[in-house]
Protein backbone atom coordinates (compact mmCIF):
# COMPACT_ATOMS: atom_id res chain seq x y z
CA MET A 1 -31.86 25.01 -1.37
CA SER A 2 -29.68 23.19 -3.91
CA GLN A 3 -30.71 19.81 -5.45
CA PHE A 4 -28.84 17.72 -8.04
CA THR A 5 -29.71 14.38 -9.58
CA LEU A 6 -26.83 12.30 -10.89
CA SER A 7 -28.29 9.49 -13.18
CA LEU A 8 -26.47 6.69 -14.81
CA PHE A 9 -28.83 6.93 -17.76
CA ASP A 10 -28.43 10.78 -18.19
CA PRO A 11 -27.67 10.95 -21.95
CA ASN A 12 -24.92 13.52 -21.33
CA THR A 13 -22.80 11.13 -19.29
CA LEU A 14 -19.93 9.39 -20.37
CA LEU A 15 -18.40 6.22 -18.95
CA PRO A 16 -16.06 8.21 -16.57
CA HIS A 17 -19.19 10.09 -15.37
CA ARG A 18 -21.08 7.12 -14.66
CA ALA A 19 -18.10 5.55 -12.70
CA GLY A 20 -17.93 8.69 -10.79
CA ILE A 21 -21.42 8.47 -9.81
CA ALA A 22 -20.91 4.89 -8.46
CA GLY A 23 -17.83 6.25 -6.38
CA LEU A 24 -19.94 9.16 -5.03
CA ALA A 25 -22.58 6.46 -4.02
CA LEU A 26 -19.89 4.43 -2.62
CA ALA A 27 -18.52 7.43 -0.36
CA LEU A 28 -22.10 8.41 0.81
CA SER A 29 -22.76 4.82 1.85
CA ASP A 30 -20.20 5.17 4.50
CA ILE A 31 -21.37 8.43 6.02
CA ASN A 32 -23.74 8.81 8.85
CA GLN A 33 -26.61 10.92 7.24
CA GLU A 34 -27.87 11.99 10.68
CA ASP A 35 -24.91 14.30 11.32
CA ALA A 36 -24.35 15.07 7.60
CA LEU A 37 -24.37 18.70 6.22
CA ILE A 38 -26.16 17.29 3.12
CA GLN A 39 -29.04 15.10 2.31
CA TRP A 40 -28.97 12.33 -0.24
CA ASP A 41 -30.93 9.23 -1.60
CA ILE A 42 -29.30 6.49 -3.54
CA SER A 43 -31.32 4.28 -5.86
CA GLU A 44 -30.30 1.55 -8.44
CA ASP A 45 -29.48 4.07 -11.15
CA ALA A 46 -29.25 7.68 -9.44
CA VAL A 47 -27.91 9.62 -6.71
CA ASN A 48 -30.20 12.60 -5.46
CA LEU A 49 -28.35 15.40 -3.60
CA SER A 50 -29.67 18.42 -1.75
CA TRP A 51 -28.36 20.88 0.82
CA GLU A 52 -29.44 24.10 2.59
CA CYS A 53 -25.91 25.50 2.83
CA SER A 54 -24.06 26.99 -0.14
CA ASP A 55 -22.74 24.61 -2.92
CA LYS A 56 -19.16 25.42 -1.98
CA GLU A 57 -19.68 24.38 1.79
CA ALA A 58 -21.65 21.19 0.86
CA ILE A 59 -19.04 20.07 -1.69
CA GLU A 60 -15.91 20.90 0.53
CA TRP A 61 -17.43 19.09 3.28
CA LEU A 62 -18.15 15.95 1.24
CA MET A 63 -14.64 15.92 -0.08
CA GLN A 64 -13.36 16.08 3.48
CA GLN A 65 -15.54 13.24 4.52
CA THR A 66 -14.36 11.13 1.52
CA TYR A 67 -10.59 11.86 1.29
CA GLN A 68 -7.99 11.95 4.01
CA ILE A 69 -4.12 11.83 4.20
CA GLN A 70 -2.87 9.22 6.64
CA ASP A 71 0.94 8.37 7.21
CA GLY A 72 1.64 10.05 3.64
CA LEU A 73 -1.16 8.07 1.81
CA LEU A 74 -4.26 9.12 0.24
CA VAL A 75 -7.01 7.12 1.89
CA VAL A 76 -10.72 6.64 1.32
CA GLN A 77 -12.23 4.95 4.24
CA SER A 78 -15.28 3.77 2.31
CA LEU A 79 -12.93 1.43 0.29
CA LYS A 80 -11.95 -0.32 3.36
CA LEU A 81 -8.67 -1.54 1.68
CA SER A 82 -5.94 -3.63 3.36
CA PRO A 83 -2.67 -1.82 4.13
CA GLN A 84 -1.15 -2.97 1.02
CA GLY A 85 -4.37 -1.84 -0.86
CA LYS A 86 -4.09 1.53 0.54
CA TYR A 87 -0.66 1.88 -0.61
CA ALA A 88 -1.48 0.70 -4.15
CA PHE A 89 -4.67 3.00 -4.31
CA SER A 90 -2.73 6.03 -2.98
CA GLN A 91 0.10 5.55 -5.50
CA GLY A 92 -2.24 4.91 -8.40
CA VAL A 93 -4.23 8.01 -7.81
CA VAL A 94 -1.09 10.06 -7.43
CA SER A 95 0.31 8.78 -10.70
CA THR A 96 -2.79 9.18 -12.49
CA PHE A 97 -5.40 11.89 -11.44
CA LEU A 98 -2.80 13.81 -9.39
CA GLN A 99 0.15 13.15 -11.64
CA HIS A 100 0.83 16.98 -12.28
CA SER A 101 2.95 18.67 -9.50
CA LYS A 102 0.30 21.33 -9.45
CA GLN A 103 -2.29 18.99 -8.26
CA ARG A 104 -0.31 17.59 -5.17
CA THR A 105 2.65 18.23 -2.97
CA LEU A 106 4.93 15.40 -2.05
CA GLU A 107 7.79 15.06 0.33
CA LYS A 108 11.23 15.35 -1.47
CA THR A 109 12.87 12.32 0.30
CA PRO A 110 11.21 8.95 -0.50
CA ALA A 111 10.72 6.57 2.13
CA LEU A 112 11.29 2.94 2.05
CA ILE A 113 8.58 0.57 2.91
CA PRO A 114 8.99 -3.17 3.29
CA ILE A 115 6.18 -5.43 2.48
CA VAL A 116 5.60 -9.18 2.46
CA VAL A 117 3.74 -10.06 -0.83
CA GLU A 118 3.72 -13.85 -0.43
CA ASP A 119 3.87 -15.94 2.92
CA ASN A 120 7.34 -17.47 3.30
CA GLN A 121 8.60 -15.36 0.81
CA PRO A 122 11.46 -12.51 1.24
CA GLU A 123 9.81 -9.09 1.67
CA ILE A 124 10.21 -6.58 -1.10
CA ILE A 125 11.09 -2.92 -0.56
CA LEU A 126 8.88 -0.10 -2.12
CA SER A 127 9.65 3.54 -2.45
CA LEU A 128 7.15 6.24 -1.34
CA ARG A 129 7.10 9.93 -1.54
CA LYS A 130 4.67 10.73 1.12
CA LEU A 131 1.70 12.89 0.30
CA ILE A 132 1.34 16.32 1.94
CA ASP A 133 -1.62 17.71 0.34
CA CYS A 134 -3.65 17.41 -2.79
CA TYR A 135 -6.42 18.81 -5.15
CA TYR A 136 -9.13 16.75 -3.38
CA LEU A 137 -8.51 18.62 -0.14
CA ARG A 138 -7.81 22.07 -1.34
CA GLU A 139 -10.06 24.94 -2.00
CA LEU A 140 -11.79 24.22 -5.40
CA LYS A 141 -10.75 27.25 -7.56
CA GLY A 142 -12.91 28.28 -10.60
CA VAL A 143 -15.81 26.10 -9.61
CA PHE A 144 -17.90 28.49 -7.38
CA ASN A 145 -18.88 32.19 -7.86
CA SER A 146 -18.43 34.77 -5.19
CA LYS A 147 -21.61 33.67 -3.39
CA GLY A 148 -20.38 29.93 -3.31
CA LYS A 149 -22.73 28.76 -6.00
CA PHE A 150 -21.70 26.52 -8.76
CA ASN A 151 -20.58 28.31 -11.85
CA SER A 152 -22.71 27.21 -15.02
CA ALA A 153 -19.64 25.78 -16.74
CA ILE A 154 -16.58 24.61 -14.52
CA PRO A 155 -13.21 24.40 -16.41
CA ILE A 156 -11.22 21.19 -15.80
CA LYS A 157 -7.57 20.66 -16.49
CA GLY A 158 -6.72 18.14 -18.87
CA HIS A 159 -3.83 16.86 -16.44
CA HIS A 160 -6.32 16.38 -13.82
CA LEU A 161 -8.29 13.53 -15.83
CA PRO A 162 -5.89 11.75 -18.20
CA GLY A 163 -7.26 11.65 -21.73
CA LEU A 164 -9.82 14.27 -20.92
CA VAL A 165 -8.48 16.64 -23.53
CA GLU A 166 -6.44 15.36 -26.25
CA CYS A 167 -4.22 18.49 -26.30
CA PHE A 168 -3.97 21.65 -24.41
CA VAL A 169 -4.25 23.69 -27.51
CA ASN A 170 -7.72 22.91 -27.43
CA GLY A 171 -8.42 24.64 -24.38
CA GLU A 172 -9.72 23.50 -20.97
CA TYR A 173 -12.63 20.97 -20.90
CA GLN A 174 -15.87 22.50 -19.72
CA GLU A 175 -18.08 20.66 -17.39
CA SER A 176 -21.55 20.97 -16.04
CA PRO A 177 -22.02 21.02 -12.26
CA THR A 178 -23.35 17.49 -12.13
CA GLY A 179 -20.58 16.15 -14.40
CA PHE A 180 -17.92 17.96 -12.13
CA ILE A 181 -19.48 16.32 -8.86
CA ALA A 182 -19.25 12.88 -10.58
CA LEU A 183 -15.61 13.29 -11.68
CA LEU A 184 -14.47 14.35 -8.21
CA PHE A 185 -15.43 10.84 -7.10
CA LEU A 186 -14.07 8.70 -10.08
CA PRO A 187 -10.97 7.76 -8.35
CA LEU A 188 -13.04 5.61 -6.02
CA ALA A 189 -14.51 3.51 -8.95
CA CYS A 190 -11.34 2.95 -10.82
CA SER A 191 -8.72 0.46 -10.65
CA TYR A 192 -4.95 1.17 -10.87
CA TYR A 193 -2.46 -1.31 -12.18
CA LEU A 194 1.32 -0.71 -12.09
CA MET A 195 2.77 -2.14 -15.37
CA MET A 196 6.26 -3.60 -16.19
CA ASN A 197 7.37 -0.30 -17.73
CA GLY A 198 6.72 1.60 -14.53
CA ARG A 199 3.74 3.33 -15.90
CA TYR A 200 -0.02 2.85 -14.90
CA ALA A 201 -3.07 1.24 -16.58
CA LEU A 202 -6.05 3.01 -15.31
CA VAL A 203 -9.23 0.96 -15.28
CA ILE A 204 -12.82 2.54 -15.66
CA PRO A 205 -15.64 0.06 -15.09
CA GLU A 206 -19.12 0.10 -16.62
CA VAL A 207 -21.56 0.56 -13.73
CA THR A 208 -25.19 -0.43 -14.58
CA ASN A 209 -26.65 -0.78 -11.07
CA LEU A 210 -25.38 1.29 -8.04
CA ILE A 211 -26.61 -0.68 -5.13
CA ALA A 212 -25.16 -3.95 -6.52
CA TRP A 213 -21.92 -2.29 -7.28
CA ILE A 214 -21.41 -0.88 -3.89
CA THR A 215 -22.13 -4.41 -2.38
CA ARG A 216 -19.61 -5.94 -4.93
CA ARG A 217 -16.83 -3.23 -4.42
CA GLN A 218 -17.08 -3.81 -0.52
CA GLN A 219 -16.06 -7.40 -0.99
CA GLN A 220 -12.86 -6.55 -2.76
CA THR A 221 -11.24 -5.15 0.36
CA SER A 222 -8.69 -8.07 0.90
CA ARG A 223 -6.75 -7.29 -2.14
CA SER A 224 -2.96 -7.26 -1.67
CA TYR A 225 -0.03 -5.33 -3.59
CA LYS A 226 0.34 -8.12 -6.18
CA ASP A 227 -3.39 -7.58 -7.09
CA PHE A 228 -2.43 -4.28 -8.24
CA ARG A 229 0.37 -5.23 -10.59
CA SER A 230 -0.27 -5.97 -14.21
CA PRO A 231 2.22 -6.73 -17.00
CA SER A 232 -0.09 -4.90 -19.61
CA ALA A 233 -3.05 -2.74 -20.20
CA GLY A 234 -5.10 -5.48 -21.77
CA GLU A 235 -4.34 -7.95 -19.03
CA ALA A 236 -5.39 -5.10 -16.48
CA GLY A 237 -8.77 -4.87 -18.04
CA LEU A 238 -9.23 -8.75 -17.99
CA ARG A 239 -8.29 -8.95 -14.50
CA LEU A 240 -10.99 -6.46 -13.50
CA LEU A 241 -13.63 -8.38 -15.40
CA LEU A 242 -12.41 -11.66 -13.81
CA GLU A 243 -12.89 -10.05 -10.28
CA GLU A 244 -16.38 -9.04 -11.31
CA GLN A 245 -17.16 -12.54 -12.55
CA THR A 246 -16.22 -14.37 -9.30
CA ILE A 247 -18.96 -12.78 -7.35
CA SER A 248 -21.62 -15.09 -8.47
CA ASP A 249 -24.62 -13.91 -6.33
CA LEU A 250 -24.37 -10.36 -8.32
CA ASN A 251 -23.89 -11.95 -11.61
CA ARG A 252 -26.76 -10.14 -13.10
CA TYR A 253 -25.28 -6.72 -12.53
CA LYS A 254 -21.66 -7.59 -13.14
CA VAL A 255 -19.38 -5.32 -15.09
CA ASN A 256 -19.57 -6.44 -18.59
CA TYR A 257 -16.95 -4.05 -20.07
CA CYS A 258 -14.46 -1.69 -18.94
CA GLU A 259 -12.17 1.02 -20.49
CA VAL A 260 -8.55 0.93 -19.91
CA TYR A 261 -6.33 4.07 -20.26
CA GLN A 262 -2.70 3.15 -21.05
CA LEU A 263 -0.72 6.08 -19.95
CA GLY A 264 2.55 7.24 -21.20
CA LYS A 265 4.15 10.41 -22.80
CA GLN A 266 2.74 12.44 -25.72
CA PRO A 267 4.77 14.41 -28.18
CA TRP A 268 2.83 17.57 -27.61
CA ASP A 269 3.63 17.54 -23.84
CA ASN A 270 7.04 16.56 -22.36
CA ASN A 271 6.34 17.61 -18.97
CA GLN A 272 4.08 14.56 -18.21
CA SER A 273 4.73 10.96 -18.51
CA GLY A 274 1.09 9.70 -17.65
CA LEU A 275 -0.98 11.09 -20.46
CA LYS A 276 -3.34 8.90 -22.50
CA GLN A 277 -1.53 6.86 -25.03
CA ALA A 278 -4.33 4.28 -25.96
CA VAL A 279 -7.66 3.24 -24.75
CA TYR A 280 -8.83 -0.36 -24.74
CA ARG A 281 -12.46 -0.97 -24.43
CA ILE A 282 -12.77 -4.59 -23.11
CA HIS A 283 -15.38 -7.01 -23.58
CA ALA A 284 -15.02 -10.58 -22.41
CA SER A 285 -17.09 -13.67 -22.66
CA ASN A 286 -17.18 -16.41 -19.99
CA ASP A 287 -15.03 -18.57 -22.51
CA VAL A 288 -12.39 -15.95 -22.76
CA LEU A 289 -12.39 -15.13 -19.09
CA ALA A 290 -12.04 -19.05 -18.32
CA ILE A 291 -9.07 -18.99 -20.55
CA TYR A 292 -7.51 -15.99 -19.10
CA GLN A 293 -8.31 -17.33 -15.48
CA SER A 294 -6.27 -20.56 -16.11
CA ALA A 295 -3.41 -18.42 -17.71
CA VAL A 296 -3.18 -16.37 -14.49
CA ALA A 297 -2.69 -19.46 -12.48
CA LEU A 298 -0.21 -21.12 -14.91
CA PHE A 299 1.83 -17.97 -15.28
CA PRO A 300 1.86 -16.23 -11.82
CA ALA A 301 3.81 -13.36 -10.54
CA ASN A 302 6.21 -14.14 -7.82
CA VAL A 303 9.14 -12.83 -5.60
CA ARG A 304 12.66 -13.33 -6.92
CA VAL A 305 15.96 -12.57 -5.35
CA THR A 306 18.96 -11.46 -7.17
CA ASP A 307 22.57 -12.43 -6.76
CA LYS A 308 23.08 -9.61 -4.41
CA GLY A 309 20.24 -10.71 -2.17
CA GLN A 310 17.83 -8.05 -3.31
CA SER A 311 14.18 -8.96 -3.77
CA TRP A 312 11.78 -7.94 -6.36
CA PHE A 313 8.45 -8.89 -7.80
CA ALA A 314 8.62 -10.56 -11.08
CA LEU A 315 5.61 -10.43 -13.56
CA SER A 316 5.06 -13.03 -16.34
CA LYS A 317 6.18 -12.29 -19.90
CA VAL A 318 3.72 -14.90 -21.40
CA LEU A 319 0.52 -13.72 -19.65
CA PRO A 320 0.44 -10.25 -21.28
CA TRP A 321 0.86 -11.91 -24.74
CA ILE A 322 -2.04 -14.31 -24.12
CA ALA A 323 -4.19 -11.39 -22.51
CA GLU A 324 -3.59 -9.11 -25.46
CA ASN A 325 -4.70 -11.76 -28.02
CA LEU A 326 -7.78 -12.51 -25.88
CA VAL A 327 -8.65 -8.68 -25.89
CA ALA A 328 -8.19 -8.61 -29.56
CA GLY A 329 -10.72 -11.58 -30.16
CA CYS A 330 -7.77 -13.66 -31.42
CA ALA A 331 -6.74 -17.21 -30.55
CA TRP A 332 -4.62 -17.27 -27.31
CA TYR A 333 -1.61 -18.53 -29.12
CA SER A 334 -1.74 -16.09 -32.05
CA GLY A 335 1.57 -14.30 -32.74
CA PHE A 336 3.69 -17.08 -31.19
CA TYR A 337 5.93 -16.72 -34.46
CA GLU A 338 6.75 -13.08 -33.33
CA PHE A 339 6.67 -13.66 -29.50
CA ARG A 340 9.22 -16.24 -29.74
CA LYS A 341 11.55 -14.13 -31.65
CA THR A 342 11.63 -11.38 -29.05
CA SER A 343 11.23 -13.19 -25.83
CA ASP A 344 13.01 -16.00 -23.99
CA ILE A 345 10.49 -18.72 -22.82
CA TYR A 346 11.22 -19.39 -19.20
CA GLU A 347 7.58 -20.52 -18.63
CA ARG A 348 7.40 -23.64 -20.86
CA LYS A 349 5.41 -25.65 -18.40
CA GLY A 350 2.58 -23.23 -18.28
CA LEU A 351 2.52 -23.33 -22.24
CA VAL A 352 2.33 -27.08 -22.26
CA SER A 353 -0.70 -27.04 -20.00
CA MET A 354 -2.31 -24.30 -22.19
CA THR A 355 -1.82 -26.51 -25.24
CA GLU A 356 -3.17 -29.48 -23.29
CA ASN A 357 -6.37 -27.75 -22.41
CA PHE A 358 -7.30 -24.95 -24.71
CA LEU A 359 -6.98 -26.14 -28.47
CA GLN A 360 -10.07 -26.75 -30.37
CA GLN A 361 -10.28 -30.04 -32.31
CA HIS A 362 -9.04 -28.65 -35.67
CA GLU A 363 -6.27 -26.96 -34.03
CA GLN A 364 -5.37 -30.11 -32.14
CA ASN A 365 -4.93 -32.18 -35.32
CA LEU A 366 -2.37 -29.94 -36.64
CA PHE A 367 -0.79 -29.56 -33.52
CA ASP A 368 -0.53 -33.39 -33.06
CA ALA A 369 0.70 -33.86 -36.57
CA VAL A 370 3.70 -31.45 -36.00
CA GLN A 371 4.46 -33.02 -32.83
CA GLY A 372 4.39 -36.43 -34.22
CA ALA A 373 6.60 -35.50 -37.18
CA PHE A 374 8.96 -33.98 -34.50
CA ARG A 375 9.07 -37.10 -32.34
CA VAL A 376 10.16 -39.09 -35.29
CA TYR A 377 12.86 -36.40 -35.93
CA LEU A 378 13.97 -36.43 -32.38
CA SER A 379 14.07 -40.24 -32.31
CA GLY A 380 16.55 -40.28 -35.23
CA GLN A 381 18.65 -37.64 -33.59
CA ASN A 382 18.72 -39.59 -30.37
CA LYS A 383 19.92 -42.77 -32.15
CA GLN A 384 22.77 -40.87 -34.02
CA ALA A 385 23.66 -39.38 -30.87
CA LYS A 386 23.92 -42.92 -29.31
CA ARG A 387 25.85 -44.40 -32.04
CA GLN A 388 28.42 -41.45 -31.60
CA GLY A 389 28.69 -42.01 -27.81
CA ARG A 390 27.42 -38.66 -26.81
CA PRO A 391 24.15 -37.42 -25.04
CA LEU A 392 21.42 -35.70 -27.06
CA ASP A 393 21.58 -32.07 -27.17
CA TYR A 394 17.88 -31.48 -27.08
CA GLY A 395 18.10 -27.62 -27.33
CA GLN A 396 20.21 -27.60 -30.46
CA VAL A 397 18.09 -30.01 -32.34
CA THR A 398 14.94 -28.43 -31.26
CA ASP A 399 16.24 -25.04 -32.45
CA LYS A 400 17.04 -26.57 -35.94
CA VAL A 401 13.40 -27.44 -36.55
CA ILE A 402 12.21 -24.28 -35.01
CA TYR A 403 14.59 -22.32 -37.48
CA ARG A 404 13.16 -24.64 -40.27
CA LEU A 405 9.58 -23.60 -39.70
CA GLN A 406 10.43 -20.00 -38.61
CA ARG A 407 12.47 -19.01 -41.54
CA PRO A 408 9.83 -18.80 -44.18
CA ASN A 409 8.26 -15.33 -44.33
CA THR A 410 5.54 -15.91 -47.04
CA GLN A 411 2.76 -18.29 -47.03
CA GLN A 412 4.10 -20.38 -50.00
CA GLU A 413 7.39 -20.79 -48.35
CA PHE A 414 5.95 -21.82 -45.11
CA ALA A 415 3.52 -24.32 -46.76
CA THR A 416 6.64 -25.65 -48.51
CA ALA A 417 8.57 -26.01 -45.52
CA LEU A 418 5.77 -27.74 -43.45
CA VAL A 419 4.94 -30.25 -46.06
CA ASP A 420 8.51 -31.01 -46.31
CA PHE A 421 8.85 -31.52 -42.54
CA LEU A 422 5.84 -33.79 -42.39
CA SER A 423 6.87 -35.61 -45.31
CA GLN A 424 10.37 -36.28 -44.19
CA PHE A 425 9.44 -37.29 -40.67
CA ARG A 426 6.23 -39.21 -41.17
CA SER A 427 4.05 -40.00 -38.37
CA LYS A 428 0.97 -41.80 -37.51
CA SER A 429 -0.37 -38.61 -35.89
CA ALA A 430 -0.68 -36.94 -39.42
CA ARG A 431 -2.94 -39.86 -40.64
CA GLY A 432 -6.32 -38.59 -41.98
CA VAL A 433 -5.58 -35.05 -41.54
CA GLY A 434 -4.02 -34.39 -44.71
CA LYS A 435 -6.86 -32.30 -46.11
CA GLU A 436 -7.23 -30.28 -43.11
CA ILE A 437 -3.57 -29.50 -43.10
CA TYR A 438 -3.73 -28.39 -46.60
CA ALA A 439 -6.64 -26.08 -45.72
CA TRP A 440 -4.59 -24.62 -42.82
CA ILE A 441 -1.51 -23.87 -44.86
CA HIS A 442 -3.13 -22.60 -48.02
CA GLY A 443 -6.00 -20.77 -46.52
CA ALA A 444 -6.37 -17.31 -44.80
CA GLU A 445 -5.15 -18.58 -41.49
CA TRP A 446 -1.79 -19.93 -42.61
CA ARG A 447 -0.06 -17.67 -40.00
CA LYS A 448 -2.19 -19.33 -37.06
CA ALA A 449 -0.78 -22.69 -38.51
CA ARG A 450 2.67 -21.35 -38.36
CA ASP A 451 2.23 -20.18 -34.73
CA LEU A 452 0.75 -23.56 -33.83
CA SER A 453 3.38 -25.54 -35.48
CA LEU A 454 6.17 -23.60 -33.64
CA LEU A 455 4.16 -23.91 -30.49
CA ALA A 456 4.01 -27.65 -31.07
CA VAL A 457 7.68 -27.90 -31.21
CA ALA A 458 8.53 -25.51 -28.36
CA THR A 459 6.22 -27.35 -26.18
CA TYR A 460 7.02 -31.02 -27.06
CA LYS A 461 6.98 -33.58 -24.17
CA SER A 462 8.58 -36.85 -24.38
CA GLN A 463 7.56 -40.15 -23.29
CA ALA A 464 9.41 -41.75 -20.13
CA GLN A 465 9.26 -45.29 -19.08
CA ASN A 466 6.87 -44.31 -16.28
CA GLY A 467 4.68 -41.69 -17.96
CA THR A 468 5.09 -38.19 -19.70
CA LEU A 469 8.54 -36.55 -19.10
CA ASP A 470 9.94 -33.04 -19.99
CA VAL A 471 12.92 -33.72 -22.13
CA THR A 472 14.29 -30.25 -21.41
CA ASP A 473 14.48 -31.08 -17.60
CA PRO A 474 18.08 -31.40 -16.74
CA ASN A 475 17.29 -34.09 -14.21
CA ALA A 476 15.21 -36.03 -16.62
CA THR A 477 16.52 -39.78 -16.98
CA ASN A 478 15.42 -42.82 -18.79
CA ILE A 479 13.96 -40.90 -21.78
CA THR A 480 12.43 -43.26 -24.19
CA LEU A 481 11.85 -41.66 -27.71
CA GLU A 482 9.54 -43.82 -29.76
CA ALA A 483 9.38 -43.41 -33.51
CA GLU A 484 5.91 -43.31 -35.19
CA THR A 485 7.02 -43.74 -38.72
CA GLU A 486 4.88 -44.95 -41.32
CA THR A 487 5.59 -46.82 -44.58
CA GLU A 488 5.35 -44.60 -47.75
CA GLU A 489 2.10 -46.23 -48.93
CA GLU A 490 0.37 -45.46 -45.39
CA TYR A 491 1.54 -42.09 -45.47
CA VAL A 492 0.19 -41.22 -48.99
CA GLU A 493 -2.99 -43.01 -48.29
CA SER A 494 -3.43 -40.62 -45.15
CA LEU A 495 -3.16 -37.67 -47.29
């Protein structure tokens, strides 16, 4: 009789092993034990296995109970996924754990699958090379001896678990029988997110309570295709942590952190495009997840249609920038100076909402001071345009101010440029915050001040006769630009 105990608190286990134990527990929870070839017991922190047959017979039976191939997709019944979820899971596993051609066999000709991502939106067409067979359903070579017993050390190919072996010159990774069993079920616990570059982010959760995790996993069965898309690796990790937080009744045992493998090419192996490039260990506080949750709502992915009538699923460019800042522990707007240089901002309304809700008081003071000065500047430009009998070119005058604040590369140059701008276009919004602004531009966080200043100009909203109005809206009418100028004495006193 063979007996194995897979414990979350075994000192020899790593995060992938603990997640694999959770995947094993999930698979076993969906099998009728009365007719099973093996016996098991699942507690909060361990899975106990036993069987009378050979190790080879027991493991291969368990693999056949867990993994199936249906309609060209790798299916795990215990996950209870929706049709779109099954597609996303299968593609995720094939592109990560089964990425090497030796690990699976695919049909040569891809099939086209139409799916509806959102109601009342055009369907999009996905490509699928159907799965014929894979490692999990084959004979496990090099694992058992001639009598069907586990070998004491089991070699695992580096391409079977991305990032397990840094380079093949180091040789194969040697695993114990319990560790090998856990890794066989790791795909069940992971989440797979297809990124904008066509590669995958593989997210491995921290699991501290098996019973709670199984219940939580079974509540995530209704996810659709869009829930498996992510613009960046950092955003993928935050997405998983947010999903965990939403299950309030199990908040005590929620996943507190996860690891995200960003997959891509490595110079030492040109044959695979899905090796580990970077690893993110992501922790997130409730405050960080609150900001991220709002950002997800403000910068949603959506279906778009090209001029030729082809539909595709577009992801936000702003959301990954915000997510990477949150993952790094920075302010959500950090790096706006560089971000604006490389990206066209099409999601301005979302940025406006972020500035209205997620700035601290000292950040708000600088933000308001710059917007007040810009309002004065814009008022002058508007009056000049009226005198010349032409409409105000808002984009042109905005670019002038942005260039004025974006051109400086050093702290001293930026401090000079910002002080000149605030002095030339005096606003009541800068009253009483002179010392605070001085500390911003002459302190260690002057780059944050530059980001905030540029963000203030880029997200400026004018005042209309009937409330707030976006001056960049081509349908905007009756725009009133009020100057907030102060006398020189009032301005000097405020500083």
